[in-house]
Structure formats: structure tokens, C-alpha cells
Protein backbone atom coordinates (compact mmCIF):
# COMPACT_ATOMS: atom_id res chain seq x y z
CA MET A 1 124.53 -9.05 -55.29
CA THR A 2 125.40 -7.12 -58.43
CA ASP A 3 126.95 -3.74 -57.72
CA LEU A 4 124.45 -0.90 -57.76
CA VAL A 5 125.08 2.19 -59.88
CA ILE A 6 123.15 5.38 -59.05
CA ARG A 7 123.52 8.42 -61.27
CA PRO A 8 121.71 11.16 -63.18
CA LEU A 9 120.88 10.64 -66.83
CA GLY A 10 123.43 11.61 -69.42
CA ALA A 11 122.66 13.27 -72.73
CA GLY A 12 120.53 11.02 -74.93
CA GLU A 13 119.71 8.60 -72.11
CA GLU A 14 116.07 9.62 -71.59
CA HIS A 15 115.04 6.14 -72.75
CA LEU A 16 116.45 4.67 -69.54
CA PHE A 17 113.71 6.54 -67.72
CA THR A 18 110.83 6.38 -70.18
CA GLU A 19 111.24 2.67 -71.00
CA PHE A 20 111.25 1.59 -67.36
CA PRO A 21 108.17 -0.58 -66.67
CA GLY A 22 106.98 1.54 -63.79
CA THR A 23 103.66 1.43 -62.01
CA ASP A 24 100.56 3.12 -63.39
CA ARG A 25 98.50 2.47 -60.25
CA VAL A 26 100.14 5.03 -57.95
CA GLY A 27 102.35 8.07 -58.34
CA ARG A 28 102.68 10.82 -60.89
CA ALA A 29 101.45 8.56 -63.72
CA LEU A 30 97.89 8.98 -62.36
CA LEU A 31 97.93 12.62 -63.48
CA GLY A 32 98.54 11.62 -67.11
CA GLY A 33 101.20 12.54 -69.63
CA PRO A 34 104.94 11.84 -69.59
CA PRO A 35 107.16 13.71 -67.14
CA GLU A 36 109.10 16.78 -68.29
CA LEU A 37 112.63 15.55 -67.81
CA ARG A 38 115.64 17.68 -66.91
CA PRO A 39 118.52 15.19 -67.21
CA GLU A 40 120.45 16.60 -64.25
CA TRP A 41 117.34 16.19 -62.06
CA THR A 42 116.49 12.72 -63.42
CA TRP A 43 118.25 9.82 -61.73
CA VAL A 44 118.28 6.07 -62.15
CA ALA A 45 119.56 3.13 -60.16
CA LEU A 46 120.99 0.27 -62.25
CA ARG A 47 122.02 -3.31 -61.54
CA ALA A 48 124.02 -4.97 -64.31
CA GLY A 49 122.98 -2.11 -66.58
CA VAL A 50 119.26 -2.63 -65.92
CA VAL A 51 117.20 0.18 -64.39
CA VAL A 52 115.63 -0.93 -61.10
CA ALA A 53 114.55 2.48 -59.76
CA ARG A 54 113.99 5.90 -61.25
CA ALA A 55 113.29 9.37 -59.88
CA ALA A 56 112.66 12.79 -61.43
CA TRP A 57 112.55 16.06 -59.54
CA TRP A 58 110.54 19.15 -60.50
CA ALA A 59 110.67 22.91 -60.08
CA GLY A 60 108.52 25.76 -61.32
CA PRO A 61 109.54 28.27 -63.99
CA GLY A 62 112.63 30.24 -63.04
CA GLN A 63 113.59 27.95 -60.15
CA ASP A 64 117.13 26.60 -60.28
CA THR A 65 116.75 23.87 -57.65
CA PRO A 66 114.06 21.18 -57.37
CA ALA A 67 110.95 21.93 -55.34
CA SER A 68 109.58 18.39 -55.12
CA LEU A 69 110.16 14.77 -56.07
CA ASP A 70 107.79 14.49 -59.00
CA TRP A 71 108.17 10.96 -60.33
CA PHE A 72 109.46 7.93 -58.43
CA ASP A 73 109.00 4.18 -58.85
CA PHE A 74 111.08 1.05 -58.55
CA THR A 75 111.32 -2.74 -58.76
CA ASP A 76 114.09 -3.04 -56.15
CA PHE A 77 113.38 -1.77 -52.62
CA ASP A 78 117.00 -1.40 -51.51
CA ALA A 79 118.00 0.34 -54.72
CA ALA A 80 115.10 2.76 -54.36
CA VAL A 81 116.14 3.68 -50.83
CA ALA A 82 119.74 4.12 -51.95
CA LEU A 83 118.68 6.34 -54.85
CA LEU A 84 116.77 8.73 -52.57
CA ARG A 85 119.63 8.80 -50.08
CA THR A 86 122.24 9.42 -52.79
CA ALA A 87 120.51 12.20 -54.74
CA PRO A 88 121.40 15.60 -53.24
CA TRP A 89 117.91 17.08 -52.74
CA ARG A 90 115.79 16.89 -49.61
CA VAL A 91 112.41 18.14 -50.79
CA GLU A 92 108.77 17.20 -50.47
CA TYR A 93 107.49 14.03 -52.11
CA PRO A 94 103.80 14.04 -53.12
CA LEU A 95 102.66 10.46 -53.69
CA PHE A 96 99.42 10.19 -55.68
CA ALA A 97 96.91 7.38 -55.18
CA PRO A 98 93.42 6.73 -56.56
CA PRO A 99 90.35 7.52 -54.43
CA GLY A 100 89.61 4.70 -52.01
CA TRP A 101 93.14 3.35 -52.40
CA ARG A 102 92.98 1.49 -49.09
CA GLU A 103 90.11 -0.65 -50.39
CA ASP A 104 92.11 -2.16 -53.28
CA PRO A 105 94.70 -4.60 -51.88
CA ALA A 106 97.06 -4.32 -54.87
CA VAL A 107 97.03 -0.52 -54.83
CA ALA A 108 97.34 -0.43 -51.06
CA ARG A 109 100.45 -2.63 -51.25
CA GLU A 110 102.04 -0.28 -53.79
CA VAL A 111 101.24 2.81 -51.76
CA ARG A 112 102.66 1.25 -48.62
CA SER A 113 105.81 0.08 -50.39
CA HIS A 114 106.43 3.65 -51.63
CA LEU A 115 105.83 4.99 -48.13
CA GLN A 116 108.24 2.43 -46.67
CA VAL A 117 110.96 3.37 -49.16
CA ALA A 118 110.52 7.06 -48.49
CA GLU A 119 110.59 6.56 -44.72
CA ALA A 120 113.65 4.31 -44.96
CA ALA A 121 115.34 7.10 -46.91
CA GLY A 122 114.67 9.58 -44.09
CA MET A 123 111.32 11.11 -45.02
CA GLU A 124 108.27 11.32 -42.79
CA LEU A 125 104.56 11.48 -43.50
CA LEU A 126 103.13 14.99 -43.19
CA VAL A 127 99.52 14.68 -44.38
CA GLU A 128 97.17 13.00 -46.82
CA ARG A 129 95.21 15.33 -49.10
CA TYR A 130 92.21 15.17 -51.40
CA ARG A 131 92.93 16.34 -54.95
CA TYR A 132 89.81 17.57 -56.76
CA ALA A 133 89.03 18.05 -60.45
CA TRP A 134 85.94 20.17 -61.23
CA THR A 135 84.50 20.26 -64.76
CA PRO A 136 81.35 21.97 -66.05
CA GLU A 137 79.61 18.56 -65.90
CA SER A 138 79.98 18.81 -62.10
CA GLY A 139 77.57 21.75 -62.14
CA LEU A 140 78.22 25.39 -61.23
CA PRO A 141 77.12 26.05 -57.64
CA PRO A 142 75.13 29.30 -57.24
CA ARG A 143 76.81 32.21 -55.46
CA PRO A 144 75.37 32.47 -51.93
CA GLY A 145 75.44 36.27 -52.09
CA ARG A 146 76.53 36.68 -48.46
CA LEU A 147 79.86 38.36 -49.18
CA GLU A 148 81.44 41.11 -51.24
CA PHE A 149 84.67 40.39 -53.11
CA ARG A 150 87.24 43.09 -53.79
CA PRO A 151 90.65 43.06 -55.47
CA GLU A 152 93.55 43.92 -53.21
CA PRO A 153 96.70 45.12 -55.02
CA ALA A 154 98.86 45.67 -51.93
CA ASP A 155 101.00 42.68 -51.00
CA ALA A 156 101.43 44.14 -47.52
CA ARG A 157 97.69 43.84 -46.96
CA ILE A 158 97.70 40.24 -48.25
CA LEU A 159 100.48 39.43 -45.79
CA GLU A 160 98.36 40.87 -42.98
CA VAL A 161 95.44 38.68 -44.01
CA PHE A 162 97.65 35.59 -44.20
CA GLY A 163 98.87 36.39 -40.70
CA GLN A 164 95.27 36.28 -39.48
CA VAL A 165 94.17 33.25 -41.53
CA HIS A 166 97.13 31.17 -40.34
CA ARG A 167 96.13 31.49 -36.68
CA GLY A 168 94.54 28.16 -35.81
CA SER A 169 94.88 26.90 -39.39
CA LEU A 170 93.95 23.27 -40.07
CA ASP A 171 96.39 23.06 -42.99
CA ALA A 172 99.30 20.76 -42.13
CA HIS A 173 101.83 22.60 -44.30
CA VAL A 174 100.95 25.93 -42.71
CA ARG A 175 101.07 24.48 -39.21
CA ARG A 176 104.49 22.97 -39.89
CA THR A 177 105.90 26.28 -41.13
CA VAL A 178 104.35 28.21 -38.23
CA ASP A 179 105.75 25.72 -35.72
CA GLU A 180 109.24 25.84 -37.24
CA HIS A 181 109.55 29.48 -38.33
CA GLY A 182 106.59 31.51 -37.06
CA LEU A 183 103.51 33.23 -38.47
CA ASP A 184 105.40 35.85 -40.48
CA ALA A 185 107.42 33.19 -42.29
CA ALA A 186 104.27 31.19 -43.07
CA ALA A 187 102.57 34.30 -44.47
CA GLN A 188 105.58 35.16 -46.62
CA GLU A 189 105.88 31.58 -47.86
CA ASP A 190 102.27 31.52 -49.07
CA LEU A 191 102.59 34.95 -50.68
CA ASP A 192 105.73 33.80 -52.51
CA ILE A 193 103.95 30.66 -53.72
CA LEU A 194 101.01 32.66 -55.07
CA ARG A 195 103.32 35.23 -56.63
CA SER A 196 105.20 32.45 -58.46
CA LEU A 197 102.06 31.35 -60.33
CA PRO A 198 101.73 32.46 -63.98
CA SER A 199 98.16 33.81 -63.60
CA PRO A 200 97.40 37.54 -63.14
CA ARG A 201 97.83 39.04 -59.68
CA ASP A 202 94.55 40.95 -60.02
CA TRP A 203 92.55 37.70 -59.84
CA TRP A 204 93.08 37.61 -56.06
CA ARG A 205 90.11 38.69 -53.93
CA LEU A 206 89.53 39.66 -50.32
CA ALA A 207 86.06 38.85 -49.03
CA TYR A 208 83.99 41.07 -46.74
CA THR A 209 80.56 40.95 -45.14
CA HIS A 210 78.06 43.51 -46.40
CA GLU A 211 78.82 45.45 -43.22
CA GLY A 212 82.49 45.68 -44.21
CA ALA A 213 84.08 43.09 -41.90
CA LEU A 214 86.96 41.10 -43.38
CA VAL A 215 86.09 37.42 -43.91
CA GLY A 216 89.09 36.05 -45.78
CA LEU A 217 90.92 35.48 -49.04
CA THR A 218 90.14 33.53 -52.20
CA VAL A 219 92.63 33.05 -55.03
CA PRO A 220 91.59 31.56 -58.36
CA ALA A 221 94.81 31.10 -60.29
CA ARG A 222 96.63 28.96 -62.82
CA ASN A 223 99.64 26.72 -62.51
CA ALA A 224 101.70 25.48 -65.47
CA THR A 225 98.95 23.12 -66.65
CA ALA A 226 95.47 24.11 -65.42
CA PRO A 227 93.24 26.58 -63.58
CA ILE A 228 93.42 26.01 -59.84
CA VAL A 229 91.87 27.13 -56.59
CA ALA A 230 95.18 28.26 -55.19
CA TYR A 231 93.96 29.48 -51.82
CA VAL A 232 90.86 29.73 -49.64
CA GLY A 233 91.20 31.05 -46.10
CA VAL A 234 88.87 32.48 -43.44
CA VAL A 235 90.03 34.72 -40.58
CA PRO A 236 89.49 33.24 -37.09
CA GLU A 237 86.69 35.56 -35.98
CA GLN A 238 84.58 34.61 -39.03
CA ARG A 239 84.91 30.84 -38.72
CA GLY A 240 81.90 28.69 -38.00
CA HIS A 241 79.63 30.37 -40.59
CA GLY A 242 80.52 28.17 -43.57
CA TYR A 243 82.24 31.03 -45.39
CA ALA A 244 84.88 28.71 -46.89
CA TYR A 245 82.11 27.51 -49.19
CA ASP A 246 81.35 31.08 -50.33
CA LEU A 247 85.03 31.69 -51.07
CA LEU A 248 85.33 28.44 -53.02
CA VAL A 249 82.19 29.17 -55.03
CA GLU A 250 83.50 32.62 -55.94
CA ALA A 251 86.78 31.16 -57.22
CA THR A 252 84.83 28.57 -59.20
CA HIS A 253 82.65 31.23 -60.85
CA GLU A 254 85.68 33.37 -61.69
CA HIS A 255 87.27 30.45 -63.52
CA ALA A 256 84.02 29.36 -65.18
CA GLU A 257 83.44 32.88 -66.48
CA ARG A 258 86.87 32.69 -68.13
CA GLY A 259 85.85 29.46 -69.86
CA ALA A 260 87.66 26.92 -67.68
CA GLY A 261 86.88 23.32 -68.60
CA LEU A 262 88.81 21.99 -65.60
CA ILE A 263 89.58 23.40 -62.15
CA VAL A 264 92.05 21.59 -59.90
CA ALA A 265 92.10 22.03 -56.13
CA ALA A 266 93.19 20.25 -52.96
CA THR A 267 92.78 20.18 -49.20
CA ASP A 268 93.98 18.05 -46.31
CA VAL A 269 91.86 15.01 -45.47
CA THR A 270 91.98 16.25 -41.87
CA ASN A 271 90.61 19.69 -42.81
CA VAL A 272 87.02 18.57 -42.40
CA PRO A 273 85.33 22.00 -42.93
CA MET A 274 87.17 22.63 -46.20
CA ALA A 275 86.56 19.10 -47.46
CA ALA A 276 82.86 19.60 -46.70
CA ALA A 277 82.89 22.84 -48.71
CA PHE A 278 84.38 21.05 -51.72
CA ALA A 279 81.78 18.29 -51.47
CA LYS A 280 78.93 20.83 -51.21
CA ALA A 281 80.28 22.75 -54.23
CA GLY A 282 80.28 19.58 -56.35
CA TYR A 283 84.03 19.01 -56.59
CA PRO A 284 84.70 15.27 -57.14
CA ILE A 285 87.82 13.71 -55.62
CA ALA A 286 90.17 12.75 -58.45
CA GLN A 287 93.11 11.43 -56.43
CA HIS A 288 94.55 11.27 -52.96
CA ARG A 289 97.94 12.93 -52.43
CA ILE A 290 100.16 11.73 -49.61
CA ASP A 291 102.79 14.34 -48.76
CA LEU A 292 106.12 13.22 -47.33
CA VAL A 293 108.76 15.68 -46.17
């Protein structure tokens, strides 16, 4: 077999990535638009000078190492595995698939081939998530009026609330961090993620009953491309009342009042209460996201 060459792009070689006939049925292509390439984080595998696998890693503003594998597809299974093993980063890989992907045999084959490559390269499946895309055509759900929402400027207080919300969390990423590093580390990780977003800090809200009892946290925010529901969490003693819906509706109204034409959000497929809240609030599922770590 022809020798395999695996390397990052050099200056002026972006065409090796962009001209590759990759899939448009799964992966980052489903989100639209070309990837933002940083040559040193964009790698290709070549046989006889022909690209047979490509990968691009991503990081947020100000980050100097990749945070996730953003774009990955291939025509050669072994080359794809070798590319992931050779590149120096061991970060999360979010694989996007259309809703109902298991029902389309061609799409299901592509998803499974990507999963097999990732697992052969040393990754493991963490969770499958619903990715939602709300637009005004979805309808604005009325505020239930059961809670009061207050800004909270003190990060120390937000950390306390995260420490409560994370107890018994159904979120797979939170559970993994708690299991590996503890509640304090999970709280700090989520605070750092929210702090890294470009939207104003004063959009964050703590929610209380009318009697003054803490219910949880809701964070409408923005990432680099769109308004998002960055966080919804209910403290353990307030679970079972459907308050996740109230928190989600509040974030939706906050964005709508600022003129948002699109709100992006996500939750684990296994987080049944939160998925039910999104369905009740009229958030359609845009994609599935399969997270490998």
C-alpha cells in the first residue's frame, strides 16, 4: 500500500482541505458554512499526494490550544485512524447527525463509520445530545409567572449554586467531571465556560420562588455565532415541579426581547426532564450531537 503521509497544512495549502470531497450528511458540515481554518490545527492524511482524510480542531477566542475536534471526515478508514492517533491533541469530538439518523441506512452507516474510527483511535462515547434551533416561527412560549429572576454579580454565589445544581445532575459532562475531579471542579469548569462567552455577564439570572427560595440558574448568552441557552439548572430540593421549563422560557424571552432570530440550545438525550422542557417550549430538534471523549 502507498505510504501514508500525515501532517498539518502548510501556508497556502488550504485547498487540500476545502477541495476534499467530504460528506455533507454527517459532521460539522450540517451546521453550514466553511470551517475557520488555522493551518497548524488543520491536518490531512495523504496517499500518493491525494487527501484521504482531513481534520480541523477548534478553540474559542483567546485559547491557544484546541478545545475540540471540529471537522473530520475521510475516505480511508485506516488513514483516518492514523490521523487522529498522530495529531497531538486529545480533546472532545462532537459528531453531528440529522434528526432520526438511525432511520436512514446511508446516514446511519456514515455515523457508525465515524464512531468506529474515533473508537479505534482511542476515544469513547460519552453521550448523545439533542441540538435545538428556536426561531420566532416556533412561537414564543408565555412566561409561567411562578418565579422571580434576579441578576447575581458575585461569581462566588454562582459557584455555590453550581455546587448545588450539580448534585444528582443528569448531564453526562457534569457527571464525568464530578466523578473524576469532584463537585468544586465541576462548578469551576462551568463558571469558566460561561465566563469565556462573549455575551454580557449581567444576562445571567438566579431564579427564586415568590417566597424567596432559590430554584436555580438560567443563562441566556451568545457564542461566536448565535444566541444560545448556555445553562439551565435546578437545585435538588426544587426538582419535580417542572421549573426547568420556567428557566428555559425566561432565557427565551430575554433573547427574543433583544431581537434574536435564532436561539441555539442542547441537552442530553438521556436528560428526559430537560428534553421535555424544550419540547414544551417549542424548540425543534435541528441535529443530534454525539460526543466522544
